[in-house]
């Protein structure tokens, strides 16, 4: 993670990938097995869901929900499709995604 910036009060869970030149604003929470592409930026107070992927040069804006198990990219980032390859590679079942989505929603409630 060459030249990556992680601002104050960020929480990073297990097995995440932060590529080079990623910028995380303050108080960002990244859940398990998320991947963030080269030169992506995440607005402060965001939650990045488990098994999600941000494409390179993506901007996660204030109102975007980066839900577990999906691919997002663009300026601003938009949900593109389900992360089928990542989910299959990690042997993730529908039940696991449901649990992670519930945990994601609980984190949103707690952090507001």
PDB file of N, CA and C in Angstrom:
ATOM      1  N   UNK A   1       0.825  -1.184   0.000  1.00  0.00           N
ATOM      2  CA  UNK A   1       0.000   0.000   0.000  1.00  0.00           C
ATOM      3  C   UNK A   1       0.872   1.250   0.000  1.00  0.00           C
ATOM      4  N   UNK A   2       1.578   1.428  -1.049  1.00  0.00           N
ATOM      5  CA  UNK A   2       2.450   2.564  -1.264  1.00  0.00           C
ATOM      6  C   UNK A   2       1.643   3.869  -1.304  1.00  0.00           C
ATOM      7  N   UNK A   3       2.018   4.835  -0.498  1.00  0.00           N
ATOM      8  CA  UNK A   3       1.398   6.169  -0.461  1.00  0.00           C
ATOM      9  C   UNK A   3      -0.085   6.157  -0.094  1.00  0.00           C
ATOM     10  N   UNK A   4      -0.526   5.161   0.627  1.00  0.00           N
ATOM     11  CA  UNK A   4      -1.911   5.112   1.078  1.00  0.00           C
ATOM     12  C   UNK A   4      -2.063   5.965   2.329  1.00  0.00           C
ATOM     13  N   UNK A   5      -3.170   6.694   2.411  1.00  0.00           N
ATOM     14  CA  UNK A   5      -3.441   7.556   3.561  1.00  0.00           C
ATOM     15  C   UNK A   5      -4.630   7.013   4.334  1.00  0.00           C
ATOM     16  N   UNK A   6      -4.424   6.739   5.609  1.00  0.00           N
ATOM     17  CA  UNK A   6      -5.495   6.290   6.491  1.00  0.00           C
ATOM     18  C   UNK A   6      -5.624   7.352   7.578  1.00  0.00           C
ATOM     19  N   UNK A   7      -6.702   8.135   7.511  1.00  0.00           N
ATOM     20  CA  UNK A   7      -6.888   9.231   8.456  1.00  0.00           C
ATOM     21  C   UNK A   7      -7.357   8.725   9.817  1.00  0.00           C
ATOM     22  N   UNK A   8      -7.601   9.655  10.711  1.00  0.00           N
ATOM     23  CA  UNK A   8      -7.914   9.376  12.115  1.00  0.00           C
ATOM     24  C   UNK A   8      -9.125   8.469  12.303  1.00  0.00           C
ATOM     25  N   UNK A   9      -9.073   7.658  13.352  1.00  0.00           N
ATOM     26  CA  UNK A   9     -10.185   6.842  13.838  1.00  0.00           C
ATOM     27  C   UNK A   9     -10.738   5.829  12.833  1.00  0.00           C
ATOM     28  N   UNK A  10      -9.938   5.408  11.864  1.00  0.00           N
ATOM     29  CA  UNK A  10     -10.379   4.367  10.932  1.00  0.00           C
ATOM     30  C   UNK A  10     -10.255   3.003  11.601  1.00  0.00           C
ATOM     31  N   UNK A  11     -11.153   2.100  11.259  1.00  0.00           N
ATOM     32  CA  UNK A  11     -11.108   0.729  11.766  1.00  0.00           C
ATOM     33  C   UNK A  11     -11.065  -0.210  10.570  1.00  0.00           C
ATOM     34  N   UNK A  12     -10.063  -1.096  10.560  1.00  0.00           N
ATOM     35  CA  UNK A  12      -9.879  -2.027   9.460  1.00  0.00           C
ATOM     36  C   UNK A  12      -9.981  -3.443  10.002  1.00  0.00           C
ATOM     37  N   UNK A  13     -10.875  -4.236   9.427  1.00  0.00           N
ATOM     38  CA  UNK A  13     -11.020  -5.618   9.862  1.00  0.00           C
ATOM     39  C   UNK A  13      -9.985  -6.501   9.157  1.00  0.00           C
ATOM     40  N   UNK A  14     -10.235  -7.788   9.085  1.00  0.00           N
ATOM     41  CA  UNK A  14      -9.262  -8.766   8.598  1.00  0.00           C
ATOM     42  C   UNK A  14      -9.275  -8.949   7.086  1.00  0.00           C
ATOM     43  N   UNK A  15      -8.104  -9.295   6.555  1.00  0.00           N
ATOM     44  CA  UNK A  15      -7.921  -9.708   5.156  1.00  0.00           C
ATOM     45  C   UNK A  15      -8.383  -8.680   4.134  1.00  0.00           C
ATOM     46  N   UNK A  16      -8.219  -7.407   4.417  1.00  0.00           N
ATOM     47  CA  UNK A  16      -8.581  -6.383   3.439  1.00  0.00           C
ATOM     48  C   UNK A  16      -7.388  -6.093   2.547  1.00  0.00           C
ATOM     49  N   UNK A  17      -7.664  -5.562   1.370  1.00  0.00           N
ATOM     50  CA  UNK A  17      -6.605  -5.166   0.447  1.00  0.00           C
ATOM     51  C   UNK A  17      -6.780  -3.686   0.148  1.00  0.00           C
ATOM     52  N   UNK A  18      -5.768  -2.898   0.499  1.00  0.00           N
ATOM     53  CA  UNK A  18      -5.728  -1.485   0.140  1.00  0.00           C
ATOM     54  C   UNK A  18      -4.617  -1.335  -0.888  1.00  0.00           C
ATOM     55  N   UNK A  19      -4.963  -0.976  -2.105  1.00  0.00           N
ATOM     56  CA  UNK A  19      -3.961  -0.800  -3.149  1.00  0.00           C
ATOM     57  C   UNK A  19      -3.221   0.517  -2.962  1.00  0.00           C
ATOM     58  N   UNK A  20      -2.261   0.785  -3.820  1.00  0.00           N
ATOM     59  CA  UNK A  20      -1.467   2.008  -3.735  1.00  0.00           C
ATOM     60  C   UNK A  20      -2.325   3.257  -3.906  1.00  0.00           C
ATOM     61  N   UNK A  21      -1.942   4.305  -3.178  1.00  0.00           N
ATOM     62  CA  UNK A  21      -2.543   5.636  -3.286  1.00  0.00           C
ATOM     63  C   UNK A  21      -4.021   5.706  -2.910  1.00  0.00           C
ATOM     64  N   UNK A  22      -4.468   4.792  -2.075  1.00  0.00           N
ATOM     65  CA  UNK A  22      -5.837   4.855  -1.559  1.00  0.00           C
ATOM     66  C   UNK A  22      -5.882   5.924  -0.469  1.00  0.00           C
ATOM     67  N   UNK A  23      -6.970   6.672  -0.402  1.00  0.00           N
ATOM     68  CA  UNK A  23      -7.169   7.671   0.644  1.00  0.00           C
ATOM     69  C   UNK A  23      -8.456   7.364   1.393  1.00  0.00           C
ATOM     70  N   UNK A  24      -8.315   7.162   2.702  1.00  0.00           N
ATOM     71  CA  UNK A  24      -9.479   6.950   3.566  1.00  0.00           C
ATOM     72  C   UNK A  24      -9.659   8.182   4.430  1.00  0.00           C
ATOM     73  N   UNK A  25     -10.836   8.798   4.364  1.00  0.00           N
ATOM     74  CA  UNK A  25     -11.128   9.920   5.241  1.00  0.00           C
ATOM     75  C   UNK A  25     -11.248   9.439   6.677  1.00  0.00           C
ATOM     76  N   UNK A  26     -11.463  10.345   7.591  1.00  0.00           N
ATOM     77  CA  UNK A  26     -11.557   9.991   8.996  1.00  0.00           C
ATOM     78  C   UNK A  26     -12.761   9.131   9.319  1.00  0.00           C
ATOM     79  N   UNK A  27     -12.586   8.244  10.310  1.00  0.00           N
ATOM     80  CA  UNK A  27     -13.663   7.426  10.846  1.00  0.00           C
ATOM     81  C   UNK A  27     -14.279   6.469   9.818  1.00  0.00           C
ATOM     82  N   UNK A  28     -13.462   5.952   8.896  1.00  0.00           N
ATOM     83  CA  UNK A  28     -13.930   4.964   7.922  1.00  0.00           C
ATOM     84  C   UNK A  28     -13.807   3.583   8.550  1.00  0.00           C
ATOM     85  N   UNK A  29     -14.780   2.727   8.294  1.00  0.00           N
ATOM     86  CA  UNK A  29     -14.789   1.360   8.813  1.00  0.00           C
ATOM     87  C   UNK A  29     -14.788   0.417   7.614  1.00  0.00           C
ATOM     88  N   UNK A  30     -13.776  -0.445   7.521  1.00  0.00           N
ATOM     89  CA  UNK A  30     -13.699  -1.404   6.417  1.00  0.00           C
ATOM     90  C   UNK A  30     -13.873  -2.806   6.983  1.00  0.00           C
ATOM     91  N   UNK A  31     -14.898  -3.496   6.487  1.00  0.00           N
ATOM     92  CA  UNK A  31     -15.224  -4.838   6.967  1.00  0.00           C
ATOM     93  C   UNK A  31     -14.339  -5.901   6.301  1.00  0.00           C
ATOM     94  N   UNK A  32     -14.450  -7.130   6.767  1.00  0.00           N
ATOM     95  CA  UNK A  32     -13.612  -8.253   6.327  1.00  0.00           C
ATOM     96  C   UNK A  32     -13.576  -8.448   4.812  1.00  0.00           C
ATOM     97  N   UNK A  33     -12.387  -8.751   4.295  1.00  0.00           N
ATOM     98  CA  UNK A  33     -12.164  -9.172   2.915  1.00  0.00           C
ATOM     99  C   UNK A  33     -12.585  -8.155   1.853  1.00  0.00           C
ATOM    100  N   UNK A  34     -12.641  -6.879   2.207  1.00  0.00           N
ATOM    101  CA  UNK A  34     -12.935  -5.846   1.216  1.00  0.00           C
ATOM    102  C   UNK A  34     -11.667  -5.520   0.440  1.00  0.00           C
ATOM    103  N   UNK A  35     -11.832  -5.093  -0.812  1.00  0.00           N
ATOM    104  CA  UNK A  35     -10.700  -4.719  -1.651  1.00  0.00           C
ATOM    105  C   UNK A  35     -10.930  -3.318  -2.193  1.00  0.00           C
ATOM    106  N   UNK A  36      -9.916  -2.465  -2.063  1.00  0.00           N
ATOM    107  CA  UNK A  36     -10.035  -1.091  -2.537  1.00  0.00           C
ATOM    108  C   UNK A  36      -8.941  -0.848  -3.560  1.00  0.00           C
ATOM    109  N   UNK A  37      -9.355  -0.476  -4.768  1.00  0.00           N
ATOM    110  CA  UNK A  37      -8.446  -0.340  -5.903  1.00  0.00           C
ATOM    111  C   UNK A  37      -7.575   0.900  -5.862  1.00  0.00           C
ATOM    112  N   UNK A  38      -6.582   0.896  -6.721  1.00  0.00           N
ATOM    113  CA  UNK A  38      -5.581   1.963  -6.838  1.00  0.00           C
ATOM    114  C   UNK A  38      -6.241   3.337  -6.951  1.00  0.00           C
ATOM    115  N   UNK A  39      -5.723   4.297  -6.184  1.00  0.00           N
ATOM    116  CA  UNK A  39      -6.131   5.709  -6.195  1.00  0.00           C
ATOM    117  C   UNK A  39      -7.604   5.944  -5.872  1.00  0.00           C
ATOM    118  N   UNK A  40      -8.238   5.024  -5.161  1.00  0.00           N
ATOM    119  CA  UNK A  40      -9.618   5.230  -4.734  1.00  0.00           C
ATOM    120  C   UNK A  40      -9.649   6.110  -3.490  1.00  0.00           C
ATOM    121  N   UNK A  41     -10.735   6.838  -3.329  1.00  0.00           N
ATOM    122  CA  UNK A  41     -10.922   7.708  -2.165  1.00  0.00           C
ATOM    123  C   UNK A  41     -12.252   7.390  -1.505  1.00  0.00           C
ATOM    124  N   UNK A  42     -12.242   7.360  -0.169  1.00  0.00           N
ATOM    125  CA  UNK A  42     -13.448   7.057   0.594  1.00  0.00           C
ATOM    126  C   UNK A  42     -13.743   8.239   1.512  1.00  0.00           C
ATOM    127  N   UNK A  43     -14.940   8.778   1.405  1.00  0.00           N
ATOM    128  CA  UNK A  43     -15.377   9.904   2.227  1.00  0.00           C
ATOM    129  C   UNK A  43     -15.406   9.495   3.696  1.00  0.00           C
ATOM    130  N   UNK A  44     -15.204  10.456   4.574  1.00  0.00           N
ATOM    131  CA  UNK A  44     -15.208  10.189   6.017  1.00  0.00           C
ATOM    132  C   UNK A  44     -16.536   9.583   6.463  1.00  0.00           C
ATOM    133  N   UNK A  45     -16.495   8.846   7.572  1.00  0.00           N
ATOM    134  CA  UNK A  45     -17.659   8.232   8.207  1.00  0.00           C
ATOM    135  C   UNK A  45     -18.353   7.164   7.366  1.00  0.00           C
ATOM    136  N   UNK A  46     -17.650   6.592   6.401  1.00  0.00           N
ATOM    137  CA  UNK A  46     -18.223   5.547   5.559  1.00  0.00           C
ATOM    138  C   UNK A  46     -17.936   4.159   6.110  1.00  0.00           C
ATOM    139  N   UNK A  47     -18.762   3.192   5.707  1.00  0.00           N
ATOM    140  CA  UNK A  47     -18.543   1.779   6.009  1.00  0.00           C
ATOM    141  C   UNK A  47     -18.429   1.055   4.674  1.00  0.00           C
ATOM    142  N   UNK A  48     -17.355   0.290   4.518  1.00  0.00           N
ATOM    143  CA  UNK A  48     -17.146  -0.514   3.319  1.00  0.00           C
ATOM    144  C   UNK A  48     -17.475  -1.958   3.692  1.00  0.00           C
ATOM    145  N   UNK A  49     -18.460  -2.543   3.027  1.00  0.00           N
ATOM    146  CA  UNK A  49     -18.965  -3.866   3.378  1.00  0.00           C
ATOM    147  C   UNK A  49     -18.005  -5.006   3.077  1.00  0.00           C
ATOM    148  N   UNK A  50     -18.189  -6.108   3.781  1.00  0.00           N
ATOM    149  CA  UNK A  50     -17.391  -7.320   3.584  1.00  0.00           C
ATOM    150  C   UNK A  50     -17.528  -7.839   2.151  1.00  0.00           C
ATOM    151  N   UNK A  51     -16.436  -8.371   1.626  1.00  0.00           N
ATOM    152  CA  UNK A  51     -16.390  -8.998   0.299  1.00  0.00           C
ATOM    153  C   UNK A  51     -16.803  -8.041  -0.814  1.00  0.00           C
ATOM    154  N   UNK A  52     -16.708  -6.739  -0.566  1.00  0.00           N
ATOM    155  CA  UNK A  52     -16.993  -5.763  -1.614  1.00  0.00           C
ATOM    156  C   UNK A  52     -15.679  -5.363  -2.280  1.00  0.00           C
ATOM    157  N   UNK A  53     -15.803  -4.777  -3.450  1.00  0.00           N
ATOM    158  CA  UNK A  53     -14.627  -4.351  -4.193  1.00  0.00           C
ATOM    159  C   UNK A  53     -14.888  -2.970  -4.786  1.00  0.00           C
ATOM    160  N   UNK A  54     -13.913  -2.074  -4.598  1.00  0.00           N
ATOM    161  CA  UNK A  54     -13.959  -0.754  -5.234  1.00  0.00           C
ATOM    162  C   UNK A  54     -12.957  -0.756  -6.373  1.00  0.00           C
ATOM    163  N   UNK A  55     -13.409  -0.422  -7.570  1.00  0.00           N
ATOM    164  CA  UNK A  55     -12.517  -0.369  -8.717  1.00  0.00           C
ATOM    165  C   UNK A  55     -11.557   0.810  -8.617  1.00  0.00           C
ATOM    166  N   UNK A  56     -10.479   0.739  -9.384  1.00  0.00           N
ATOM    167  CA  UNK A  56      -9.464   1.783  -9.318  1.00  0.00           C
ATOM    168  C   UNK A  56     -10.046   3.152  -9.691  1.00  0.00           C
ATOM    169  N   UNK A  57      -9.522   4.191  -9.028  1.00  0.00           N
ATOM    170  CA  UNK A  57      -9.917   5.600  -9.216  1.00  0.00           C
ATOM    171  C   UNK A  57     -11.359   5.883  -8.791  1.00  0.00           C
ATOM    172  N   UNK A  58     -11.944   5.035  -7.943  1.00  0.00           N
ATOM    173  CA  UNK A  58     -13.321   5.248  -7.505  1.00  0.00           C
ATOM    174  C   UNK A  58     -13.393   6.253  -6.365  1.00  0.00           C
ATOM    175  N   UNK A  59     -14.475   7.004  -6.328  1.00  0.00           N
ATOM    176  CA  UNK A  59     -14.736   7.947  -5.241  1.00  0.00           C
ATOM    177  C   UNK A  59     -16.000   7.506  -4.519  1.00  0.00           C
ATOM    178  N   UNK A  60     -15.855   7.143  -3.249  1.00  0.00           N
ATOM    179  CA  UNK A  60     -17.016   6.797  -2.429  1.00  0.00           C
ATOM    180  C   UNK A  60     -17.489   8.081  -1.765  1.00  0.00           C
ATOM    181  N   UNK A  61     -18.676   8.515  -2.140  1.00  0.00           N
ATOM    182  CA  UNK A  61     -19.213   9.779  -1.645  1.00  0.00           C
ATOM    183  C   UNK A  61     -19.971   9.579  -0.336  1.00  0.00           C
ATOM    184  N   UNK A  62     -20.391  10.677   0.229  1.00  0.00           N
ATOM    185  CA  UNK A  62     -21.022  10.700   1.543  1.00  0.00           C
ATOM    186  C   UNK A  62     -22.266   9.816   1.649  1.00  0.00           C
ATOM    187  N   UNK A  63     -23.101   9.783   0.619  1.00  0.00           N
ATOM    188  CA  UNK A  63     -24.391   9.101   0.702  1.00  0.00           C
ATOM    189  C   UNK A  63     -24.384   7.672   0.173  1.00  0.00           C
ATOM    190  N   UNK A  64     -23.280   7.200  -0.380  1.00  0.00           N
ATOM    191  CA  UNK A  64     -23.218   5.861  -0.957  1.00  0.00           C
ATOM    192  C   UNK A  64     -23.130   4.788   0.123  1.00  0.00           C
ATOM    193  N   UNK A  65     -23.890   3.709  -0.035  1.00  0.00           N
ATOM    194  CA  UNK A  65     -23.779   2.551   0.841  1.00  0.00           C
ATOM    195  C   UNK A  65     -23.037   1.465   0.074  1.00  0.00           C
ATOM    196  N   UNK A  66     -21.822   1.145   0.504  1.00  0.00           N
ATOM    197  CA  UNK A  66     -21.012   0.104  -0.126  1.00  0.00           C
ATOM    198  C   UNK A  66     -21.362  -1.211   0.566  1.00  0.00           C
ATOM    199  N   UNK A  67     -22.390  -1.863   0.049  1.00  0.00           N
ATOM    200  CA  UNK A  67     -22.949  -3.059   0.672  1.00  0.00           C
ATOM    201  C   UNK A  67     -22.072  -4.287   0.453  1.00  0.00           C
ATOM    202  N   UNK A  68     -22.132  -5.245   1.370  1.00  0.00           N
ATOM    203  CA  UNK A  68     -21.313  -6.449   1.266  1.00  0.00           C
ATOM    204  C   UNK A  68     -21.590  -7.259  -0.007  1.00  0.00           C
ATOM    205  N   UNK A  69     -20.506  -7.762  -0.603  1.00  0.00           N
ATOM    206  CA  UNK A  69     -20.619  -8.689  -1.721  1.00  0.00           C
ATOM    207  C   UNK A  69     -20.835  -8.082  -3.094  1.00  0.00           C
ATOM    208  N   UNK A  70     -20.620  -6.777  -3.247  1.00  0.00           N
ATOM    209  CA  UNK A  70     -20.838  -6.129  -4.539  1.00  0.00           C
ATOM    210  C   UNK A  70     -19.596  -5.388  -5.019  1.00  0.00           C
ATOM    211  N   UNK A  71     -19.556  -5.112  -6.330  1.00  0.00           N
ATOM    212  CA  UNK A  71     -18.482  -4.344  -6.946  1.00  0.00           C
ATOM    213  C   UNK A  71     -19.013  -2.944  -7.225  1.00  0.00           C
ATOM    214  N   UNK A  72     -18.198  -1.938  -6.889  1.00  0.00           N
ATOM    215  CA  UNK A  72     -18.525  -0.532  -7.107  1.00  0.00           C
ATOM    216  C   UNK A  72     -17.370   0.117  -7.855  1.00  0.00           C
ATOM    217  N   UNK A  73     -17.667   1.031  -8.759  1.00  0.00           N
ATOM    218  CA  UNK A  73     -16.599   1.858  -9.320  1.00  0.00           C
ATOM    219  C   UNK A  73     -17.176   3.106  -9.963  1.00  0.00           C
ATOM    220  N   UNK A  74     -16.284   4.066 -10.193  1.00  0.00           N
ATOM    221  CA  UNK A  74     -16.651   5.301 -10.863  1.00  0.00           C
ATOM    222  C   UNK A  74     -16.426   6.530 -10.007  1.00  0.00           C
ATOM    223  N   UNK A  75     -16.692   7.694 -10.629  1.00  0.00           N
ATOM    224  CA  UNK A  75     -16.549   8.991  -9.978  1.00  0.00           C
ATOM    225  C   UNK A  75     -17.871   9.729 -10.158  1.00  0.00           C
ATOM    226  N   UNK A  76     -18.781   9.667  -9.221  1.00  0.00           N
ATOM    227  CA  UNK A  76     -18.781   8.943  -7.952  1.00  0.00           C
ATOM    228  C   UNK A  76     -19.029   7.456  -8.187  1.00  0.00           C
ATOM    229  N   UNK A  77     -18.650   6.646  -7.206  1.00  0.00           N
ATOM    230  CA  UNK A  77     -18.802   5.198  -7.323  1.00  0.00           C
ATOM    231  C   UNK A  77     -20.279   4.812  -7.360  1.00  0.00           C
ATOM    232  N   UNK A  78     -20.565   3.786  -8.139  1.00  0.00           N
ATOM    233  CA  UNK A  78     -21.914   3.242  -8.232  1.00  0.00           C
ATOM    234  C   UNK A  78     -21.831   1.721  -8.133  1.00  0.00           C
ATOM    235  N   UNK A  79     -22.897   1.106  -7.635  1.00  0.00           N
ATOM    236  CA  UNK A  79     -22.961  -0.350  -7.569  1.00  0.00           C
ATOM    237  C   UNK A  79     -23.080  -0.879  -8.991  1.00  0.00           C
ATOM    238  N   UNK A  80     -22.180  -1.809  -9.343  1.00  0.00           N
ATOM    239  CA  UNK A  80     -22.157  -2.324 -10.704  1.00  0.00           C
ATOM    240  C   UNK A  80     -22.757  -3.720 -10.796  1.00  0.00           C
ATOM    241  N   UNK A  81     -22.261  -4.625  -9.962  1.00  0.00           N
ATOM    242  CA  UNK A  81     -22.748  -6.001  -9.999  1.00  0.00           C
ATOM    243  C   UNK A  81     -22.293  -6.731  -8.749  1.00  0.00           C
ATOM    244  N   UNK A  82     -22.798  -7.943  -8.586  1.00  0.00           N
ATOM    245  CA  UNK A  82     -22.388  -8.778  -7.470  1.00  0.00           C
ATOM    246  C   UNK A  82     -20.949  -9.246  -7.699  1.00  0.00           C
ATOM    247  N   UNK A  83     -20.185  -9.357  -6.620  1.00  0.00           N
ATOM    248  CA  UNK A  83     -18.784  -9.780  -6.699  1.00  0.00           C
ATOM    249  C   UNK A  83     -18.709 -11.314  -6.767  1.00  0.00           C
ATOM    250  N   UNK A  84     -19.213 -11.882  -7.847  1.00  0.00           N
ATOM    251  CA  UNK A  84     -19.330 -13.337  -7.974  1.00  0.00           C
ATOM    252  C   UNK A  84     -17.987 -14.050  -7.886  1.00  0.00           C
ATOM    253  N   UNK A  85     -16.966 -13.513  -8.536  1.00  0.00           N
ATOM    254  CA  UNK A  85     -15.655 -14.166  -8.508  1.00  0.00           C
ATOM    255  C   UNK A  85     -15.080 -14.145  -7.098  1.00  0.00           C
ATOM    256  N   UNK A  86     -15.140 -13.016  -6.420  1.00  0.00           N
ATOM    257  CA  UNK A  86     -14.631 -12.908  -5.057  1.00  0.00           C
ATOM    258  C   UNK A  86     -15.370 -13.804  -4.083  1.00  0.00           C
ATOM    259  N   UNK A  87     -16.692 -13.870  -4.238  1.00  0.00           N
ATOM    260  CA  UNK A  87     -17.491 -14.714  -3.353  1.00  0.00           C
ATOM    261  C   UNK A  87     -17.196 -16.198  -3.589  1.00  0.00           C
ATOM    262  N   UNK A  88     -17.070 -16.577  -4.856  1.00  0.00           N
ATOM    263  CA  UNK A  88     -16.760 -17.971  -5.182  1.00  0.00           C
ATOM    264  C   UNK A  88     -15.351 -18.341  -4.721  1.00  0.00           C
ATOM    265  N   UNK A  89     -14.386 -17.453  -4.957  1.00  0.00           N
ATOM    266  CA  UNK A  89     -12.994 -17.695  -4.577  1.00  0.00           C
ATOM    267  C   UNK A  89     -12.858 -17.905  -3.065  1.00  0.00           C
ATOM    268  N   UNK A  90     -13.646 -17.184  -2.292  1.00  0.00           N
ATOM    269  CA  UNK A  90     -13.598 -17.286  -0.827  1.00  0.00           C
ATOM    270  C   UNK A  90     -14.609 -18.280  -0.264  1.00  0.00           C
ATOM    271  N   UNK A  91     -15.323 -18.978  -1.150  1.00  0.00           N
ATOM    272  CA  UNK A  91     -16.293 -19.990  -0.725  1.00  0.00           C
ATOM    273  C   UNK A  91     -17.364 -19.401   0.191  1.00  0.00           C
ATOM    274  N   UNK A  92     -17.939 -18.280  -0.188  1.00  0.00           N
ATOM    275  CA  UNK A  92     -18.902 -17.562   0.635  1.00  0.00           C
ATOM    276  C   UNK A  92     -20.315 -17.944   0.225  1.00  0.00           C
ATOM    277  N   UNK A  93     -21.071 -18.443   1.180  1.00  0.00           N
ATOM    278  CA  UNK A  93     -22.445 -18.865   0.916  1.00  0.00           C
ATOM    279  C   UNK A  93     -23.410 -17.690   1.048  1.00  0.00           C
ATOM    280  N   UNK A  94     -24.636 -17.921   0.616  1.00  0.00           N
ATOM    281  CA  UNK A  94     -25.691 -16.909   0.735  1.00  0.00           C
ATOM    282  C   UNK A  94     -25.931 -16.572   2.206  1.00  0.00           C
ATOM    283  N   UNK A  95     -25.858 -17.576   3.074  1.00  0.00           N
ATOM    284  CA  UNK A  95     -26.063 -17.349   4.515  1.00  0.00           C
ATOM    285  C   UNK A  95     -25.011 -16.405   5.094  1.00  0.00           C
ATOM    286  N   UNK A  96     -23.763 -16.576   4.677  1.00  0.00           N
ATOM    287  CA  UNK A  96     -22.688 -15.704   5.169  1.00  0.00           C
ATOM    288  C   UNK A  96     -22.930 -14.272   4.714  1.00  0.00           C
ATOM    289  N   UNK A  97     -23.315 -14.092   3.458  1.00  0.00           N
ATOM    290  CA  UNK A  97     -23.589 -12.739   2.953  1.00  0.00           C
ATOM    291  C   UNK A  97     -24.764 -12.117   3.711  1.00  0.00           C
ATOM    292  N   UNK A  98     -25.785 -12.908   4.020  1.00  0.00           N
ATOM    293  CA  UNK A  98     -26.919 -12.378   4.793  1.00  0.00           C
ATOM    294  C   UNK A  98     -26.468 -11.915   6.173  1.00  0.00           C
ATOM    295  N   UNK A  99     -25.606 -12.698   6.813  1.00  0.00           N
ATOM    296  CA  UNK A  99     -25.090 -12.317   8.139  1.00  0.00           C
ATOM    297  C   UNK A  99     -24.242 -11.049   8.050  1.00  0.00           C
ATOM    298  N   UNK A 100     -23.405 -10.970   7.022  1.00  0.00           N
ATOM    299  CA  UNK A 100     -22.560  -9.777   6.854  1.00  0.00           C
ATOM    300  C   UNK A 100     -23.402  -8.547   6.528  1.00  0.00           C
ATOM    301  N   UNK A 101     -24.467  -8.728   5.756  1.00  0.00           N
ATOM    302  CA  UNK A 101     -25.356  -7.605   5.441  1.00  0.00           C
ATOM    303  C   UNK A 101     -26.068  -7.127   6.697  1.00  0.00           C
ATOM    304  N   UNK A 102     -26.495  -8.064   7.547  1.00  0.00           N
ATOM    305  CA  UNK A 102     -27.121  -7.684   8.818  1.00  0.00           C
ATOM    306  C   UNK A 102     -26.124  -6.930   9.687  1.00  0.00           C
ATOM    307  N   UNK A 103     -24.879  -7.429   9.752  1.00  0.00           N
ATOM    308  CA  UNK A 103     -23.838  -6.760  10.545  1.00  0.00           C
ATOM    309  C   UNK A 103     -23.556  -5.367   9.980  1.00  0.00           C
ATOM    310  N   UNK A 104     -23.529  -5.231   8.655  1.00  0.00           N
ATOM    311  CA  UNK A 104     -23.346  -3.946   7.981  1.00  0.00           C
ATOM    312  C   UNK A 104     -24.450  -2.975   8.401  1.00  0.00           C
ATOM    313  N   UNK A 105     -25.698  -3.427   8.342  1.00  0.00           N
ATOM    314  CA  UNK A 105     -26.825  -2.576   8.722  1.00  0.00           C
ATOM    315  C   UNK A 105     -26.781  -2.193  10.199  1.00  0.00           C
ATOM    316  N   UNK A 106     -26.359  -3.123  11.049  1.00  0.00           N
ATOM    317  CA  UNK A 106     -26.207  -2.826  12.478  1.00  0.00           C
ATOM    318  C   UNK A 106     -25.122  -1.767  12.707  1.00  0.00           C
ATOM    319  N   UNK A 107     -24.015  -1.868  11.959  1.00  0.00           N
ATOM    320  CA  UNK A 107     -22.942  -0.867  12.078  1.00  0.00           C
ATOM    321  C   UNK A 107     -23.435   0.514  11.674  1.00  0.00           C
ATOM    322  N   UNK A 108     -24.259   0.574  10.632  1.00  0.00           N
ATOM    323  CA  UNK A 108     -24.804   1.858  10.204  1.00  0.00           C
ATOM    324  C   UNK A 108     -25.638   2.480  11.311  1.00  0.00           C
ATOM    325  N   UNK A 109     -26.477   1.674  11.960  1.00  0.00           N
ATOM    326  CA  UNK A 109     -27.323   2.175  13.053  1.00  0.00           C
ATOM    327  C   UNK A 109     -26.485   2.653  14.229  1.00  0.00           C
ATOM    328  N   UNK A 110     -25.458   1.886  14.574  1.00  0.00           N
ATOM    329  CA  UNK A 110     -24.599   2.218  15.722  1.00  0.00           C
ATOM    330  C   UNK A 110     -23.829   3.517  15.481  1.00  0.00           C
ATOM    331  N   UNK A 111     -23.350   3.707  14.258  1.00  0.00           N
ATOM    332  CA  UNK A 111     -22.464   4.832  13.947  1.00  0.00           C
ATOM    333  C   UNK A 111     -23.197   6.120  13.659  1.00  0.00           C
ATOM    334  N   UNK A 112     -24.527   6.097  13.599  1.00  0.00           N
ATOM    335  CA  UNK A 112     -25.281   7.350  13.334  1.00  0.00           C
ATOM    336  C   UNK A 112     -25.500   8.136  14.584  1.00  0.00           C
TER     337      UNK A 112
END
